[in-house]
Amino acid sequence: MNTTRNIYAYILAAVVMVVTVFGLLGIWEVIQWEDFKEFFWKGFYSLLLLLISGAVVLFIFSTIYKAPVKPPVSPFTRGGEETKDAA
């Protein structure tokens, strides 16, 4: 789970960097504003779609899929039984 979060973080950071580079190129008029505007809105809508779908998947997994939770083990027990010297 933690590895997946790291991968998503790197992907989203890369997308932000690409959009930033295109923004800088548009400001300095290396590329035409119309081309950048079209790319920006498509990128923005794509990120919005990913955010919404991720929220829906998180909601589904948090409400429907419940991982089995083991009860906490007391330090005074061995295998679920009380020890005689734990009093």
N, C-alpha and C. Protein backbone atom coordinates (compact mmCIF):
# COMPACT_ATOMS: atom_id res chain seq x y z
N MET A 1 0.83 -1.19 0.00
CA MET A 1 0.00 0.00 0.00
C MET A 1 0.87 1.25 0.00
N ASN A 2 1.93 1.23 0.81
CA ASN A 2 2.80 2.38 0.88
C ASN A 2 3.55 2.58 -0.43
N THR A 3 3.93 1.48 -1.09
CA THR A 3 4.62 1.57 -2.37
C THR A 3 3.71 2.18 -3.42
N THR A 4 2.45 1.81 -3.41
CA THR A 4 1.49 2.36 -4.36
C THR A 4 1.34 3.87 -4.17
N ARG A 5 1.29 4.31 -2.94
CA ARG A 5 1.19 5.75 -2.67
C ARG A 5 2.42 6.48 -3.19
N ASN A 6 3.58 5.87 -3.00
CA ASN A 6 4.81 6.50 -3.50
C ASN A 6 4.78 6.61 -5.02
N ILE A 7 4.32 5.58 -5.69
CA ILE A 7 4.24 5.61 -7.15
C ILE A 7 3.28 6.69 -7.61
N TYR A 8 2.11 6.77 -6.98
CA TYR A 8 1.14 7.81 -7.34
C TYR A 8 1.72 9.20 -7.08
N ALA A 9 2.43 9.36 -5.98
CA ALA A 9 3.03 10.66 -5.67
C ALA A 9 4.04 11.07 -6.74
N TYR A 10 4.87 10.14 -7.17
CA TYR A 10 5.86 10.45 -8.20
C TYR A 10 5.19 10.77 -9.54
N ILE A 11 4.14 10.03 -9.88
CA ILE A 11 3.44 10.27 -11.14
C ILE A 11 2.79 11.66 -11.13
N LEU A 12 2.09 11.98 -10.04
CA LEU A 12 1.44 13.29 -9.96
C LEU A 12 2.46 14.43 -9.92
N ALA A 13 3.59 14.21 -9.25
CA ALA A 13 4.64 15.24 -9.24
C ALA A 13 5.19 15.44 -10.64
N ALA A 14 5.35 14.36 -11.39
CA ALA A 14 5.85 14.47 -12.76
C ALA A 14 4.85 15.22 -13.64
N VAL A 15 3.57 14.95 -13.46
CA VAL A 15 2.54 15.65 -14.24
C VAL A 15 2.56 17.14 -13.92
N VAL A 16 2.70 17.48 -12.66
CA VAL A 16 2.76 18.88 -12.27
C VAL A 16 3.99 19.55 -12.88
N MET A 17 5.11 18.86 -12.88
CA MET A 17 6.33 19.44 -13.47
C MET A 17 6.16 19.66 -14.97
N VAL A 18 5.52 18.72 -15.67
CA VAL A 18 5.31 18.87 -17.11
C VAL A 18 4.40 20.07 -17.38
N VAL A 19 3.32 20.20 -16.61
CA VAL A 19 2.42 21.34 -16.79
C VAL A 19 3.15 22.65 -16.50
N THR A 20 4.02 22.64 -15.48
CA THR A 20 4.80 23.83 -15.15
C THR A 20 5.74 24.21 -16.29
N VAL A 21 6.40 23.22 -16.87
CA VAL A 21 7.30 23.50 -17.99
C VAL A 21 6.52 24.08 -19.17
N PHE A 22 5.39 23.51 -19.48
CA PHE A 22 4.57 24.05 -20.57
C PHE A 22 4.10 25.47 -20.24
N GLY A 23 3.78 25.72 -18.98
CA GLY A 23 3.38 27.07 -18.58
C GLY A 23 4.51 28.07 -18.78
N LEU A 24 5.71 27.69 -18.38
CA LEU A 24 6.85 28.58 -18.57
C LEU A 24 7.14 28.81 -20.06
N LEU A 25 7.04 27.76 -20.84
CA LEU A 25 7.26 27.91 -22.28
C LEU A 25 6.20 28.82 -22.90
N GLY A 26 4.97 28.73 -22.39
CA GLY A 26 3.91 29.61 -22.89
C GLY A 26 4.11 31.05 -22.48
N ILE A 27 4.58 31.26 -21.25
CA ILE A 27 4.84 32.63 -20.79
C ILE A 27 5.94 33.28 -21.62
N TRP A 28 6.99 32.54 -21.91
CA TRP A 28 8.11 33.08 -22.69
C TRP A 28 7.86 32.99 -24.19
N GLU A 29 6.66 32.59 -24.56
CA GLU A 29 6.22 32.53 -25.97
C GLU A 29 7.09 31.64 -26.84
N VAL A 30 7.61 30.59 -26.23
CA VAL A 30 8.33 29.58 -27.00
C VAL A 30 7.31 28.72 -27.74
N ILE A 31 6.19 28.48 -27.08
CA ILE A 31 5.07 27.79 -27.73
C ILE A 31 3.89 28.75 -27.76
N GLN A 32 2.97 28.50 -28.64
CA GLN A 32 1.79 29.36 -28.78
C GLN A 32 0.83 29.12 -27.61
N TRP A 33 0.19 30.18 -27.14
CA TRP A 33 -0.72 30.10 -26.00
C TRP A 33 -1.89 29.18 -26.28
N GLU A 34 -2.39 29.13 -27.51
CA GLU A 34 -3.54 28.29 -27.83
C GLU A 34 -3.18 26.81 -27.66
N ASP A 35 -1.95 26.45 -28.07
CA ASP A 35 -1.53 25.06 -27.92
C ASP A 35 -1.41 24.71 -26.44
N PHE A 36 -0.83 25.61 -25.69
CA PHE A 36 -0.68 25.36 -24.26
C PHE A 36 -2.02 25.31 -23.56
N LYS A 37 -2.93 26.21 -23.93
CA LYS A 37 -4.24 26.25 -23.29
C LYS A 37 -4.99 24.94 -23.51
N GLU A 38 -4.92 24.42 -24.71
CA GLU A 38 -5.58 23.14 -25.00
C GLU A 38 -4.94 22.02 -24.18
N PHE A 39 -3.61 21.99 -24.12
CA PHE A 39 -2.92 20.97 -23.33
C PHE A 39 -3.23 21.12 -21.85
N PHE A 40 -3.26 22.35 -21.36
CA PHE A 40 -3.52 22.60 -19.94
C PHE A 40 -4.90 22.10 -19.55
N TRP A 41 -5.93 22.45 -20.33
CA TRP A 41 -7.27 22.05 -19.96
C TRP A 41 -7.46 20.54 -20.05
N LYS A 42 -6.84 19.93 -21.05
CA LYS A 42 -6.92 18.46 -21.11
C LYS A 42 -6.21 17.84 -19.92
N GLY A 43 -5.06 18.38 -19.54
CA GLY A 43 -4.35 17.88 -18.37
C GLY A 43 -5.12 18.10 -17.09
N PHE A 44 -5.73 19.30 -16.97
CA PHE A 44 -6.53 19.61 -15.79
C PHE A 44 -7.72 18.68 -15.66
N TYR A 45 -8.43 18.47 -16.75
CA TYR A 45 -9.58 17.56 -16.72
C TYR A 45 -9.14 16.13 -16.40
N SER A 46 -7.99 15.73 -16.92
CA SER A 46 -7.47 14.39 -16.62
C SER A 46 -7.15 14.25 -15.14
N LEU A 47 -6.48 15.26 -14.56
CA LEU A 47 -6.18 15.21 -13.13
C LEU A 47 -7.46 15.22 -12.29
N LEU A 48 -8.43 16.00 -12.69
CA LEU A 48 -9.71 16.04 -11.98
C LEU A 48 -10.40 14.67 -12.04
N LEU A 49 -10.37 14.06 -13.19
CA LEU A 49 -10.96 12.73 -13.34
C LEU A 49 -10.24 11.71 -12.47
N LEU A 50 -8.90 11.76 -12.43
CA LEU A 50 -8.14 10.85 -11.58
C LEU A 50 -8.44 11.07 -10.10
N LEU A 51 -8.58 12.32 -9.70
CA LEU A 51 -8.89 12.63 -8.32
C LEU A 51 -10.26 12.09 -7.92
N ILE A 52 -11.25 12.30 -8.77
CA ILE A 52 -12.60 11.84 -8.46
C ILE A 52 -12.66 10.31 -8.44
N SER A 53 -12.04 9.67 -9.43
CA SER A 53 -12.07 8.21 -9.45
C SER A 53 -11.31 7.63 -8.27
N GLY A 54 -10.21 8.25 -7.87
CA GLY A 54 -9.48 7.79 -6.69
C GLY A 54 -10.30 7.92 -5.43
N ALA A 55 -11.05 9.01 -5.31
CA ALA A 55 -11.92 9.20 -4.15
C ALA A 55 -13.03 8.15 -4.11
N VAL A 56 -13.57 7.83 -5.27
CA VAL A 56 -14.63 6.81 -5.33
C VAL A 56 -14.07 5.44 -4.95
N VAL A 57 -12.90 5.10 -5.47
CA VAL A 57 -12.28 3.81 -5.14
C VAL A 57 -11.95 3.76 -3.65
N LEU A 58 -11.44 4.84 -3.09
CA LEU A 58 -11.15 4.88 -1.65
C LEU A 58 -12.42 4.70 -0.84
N PHE A 59 -13.51 5.34 -1.26
CA PHE A 59 -14.78 5.19 -0.57
C PHE A 59 -15.27 3.74 -0.63
N ILE A 60 -15.16 3.13 -1.80
CA ILE A 60 -15.60 1.74 -1.95
C ILE A 60 -14.80 0.82 -1.04
N PHE A 61 -13.48 0.95 -1.07
CA PHE A 61 -12.65 0.07 -0.26
C PHE A 61 -12.82 0.35 1.23
N SER A 62 -13.06 1.59 1.62
CA SER A 62 -13.19 1.88 3.05
C SER A 62 -14.55 1.45 3.60
N THR A 63 -15.57 1.36 2.75
CA THR A 63 -16.89 0.98 3.26
C THR A 63 -17.21 -0.49 3.03
N ILE A 64 -16.83 -1.03 1.90
CA ILE A 64 -17.21 -2.41 1.58
C ILE A 64 -16.14 -3.41 2.01
N TYR A 65 -14.90 -3.14 1.66
CA TYR A 65 -13.83 -4.08 1.95
C TYR A 65 -13.27 -3.81 3.33
N LYS A 66 -13.57 -4.68 4.24
CA LYS A 66 -13.04 -4.55 5.60
C LYS A 66 -12.03 -5.67 5.81
N ALA A 67 -10.79 -5.30 6.01
CA ALA A 67 -9.75 -6.29 6.27
C ALA A 67 -9.98 -6.90 7.64
N PRO A 68 -9.75 -8.20 7.77
CA PRO A 68 -9.95 -8.81 9.08
C PRO A 68 -8.93 -8.24 10.08
N VAL A 69 -9.45 -7.84 11.22
CA VAL A 69 -8.61 -7.24 12.25
C VAL A 69 -8.45 -8.24 13.39
N LYS A 70 -7.19 -8.55 13.70
CA LYS A 70 -6.94 -9.46 14.82
C LYS A 70 -7.01 -8.65 16.11
N PRO A 71 -7.56 -9.25 17.15
CA PRO A 71 -7.62 -8.53 18.42
C PRO A 71 -6.20 -8.32 18.95
N PRO A 72 -5.97 -7.21 19.63
CA PRO A 72 -4.62 -6.96 20.14
C PRO A 72 -4.24 -7.99 21.20
N VAL A 73 -2.98 -8.37 21.19
CA VAL A 73 -2.49 -9.36 22.13
C VAL A 73 -1.84 -8.63 23.30
N SER A 74 -2.28 -8.99 24.48
CA SER A 74 -1.73 -8.38 25.68
C SER A 74 -0.32 -8.90 25.92
N PRO A 75 0.56 -8.08 26.46
CA PRO A 75 1.91 -8.58 26.72
C PRO A 75 1.94 -9.61 27.85
N PHE A 76 0.83 -9.74 28.57
CA PHE A 76 0.76 -10.69 29.67
C PHE A 76 0.18 -12.02 29.25
N THR A 77 -0.05 -12.22 27.97
CA THR A 77 -0.63 -13.48 27.51
C THR A 77 0.32 -14.18 26.56
N ARG A 78 0.16 -15.49 26.50
CA ARG A 78 0.89 -16.30 25.53
C ARG A 78 -0.13 -17.06 24.70
N GLY A 79 -0.26 -16.69 23.47
CA GLY A 79 -1.19 -17.39 22.60
C GLY A 79 -2.63 -17.21 23.02
N GLY A 80 -2.96 -16.14 23.69
CA GLY A 80 -4.34 -15.88 24.07
C GLY A 80 -4.69 -16.37 25.47
N GLU A 81 -3.77 -17.04 26.17
CA GLU A 81 -4.05 -17.53 27.52
C GLU A 81 -3.26 -16.69 28.52
N GLU A 82 -3.87 -16.46 29.67
CA GLU A 82 -3.20 -15.70 30.72
C GLU A 82 -2.04 -16.52 31.28
N THR A 83 -0.95 -15.83 31.58
CA THR A 83 0.17 -16.51 32.23
C THR A 83 -0.04 -16.46 33.73
N LYS A 84 0.53 -17.43 34.42
CA LYS A 84 0.31 -17.53 35.87
C LYS A 84 1.11 -16.48 36.63
N ASP A 85 2.23 -16.04 36.08
CA ASP A 85 3.05 -15.07 36.77
C ASP A 85 2.71 -13.63 36.40
N ALA A 86 1.63 -13.40 35.68
CA ALA A 86 1.28 -12.06 35.21
C ALA A 86 0.43 -11.30 36.21
N ALA A 87 0.15 -11.85 37.34
CA ALA A 87 -0.71 -11.18 38.31
C ALA A 87 0.06 -10.06 38.89
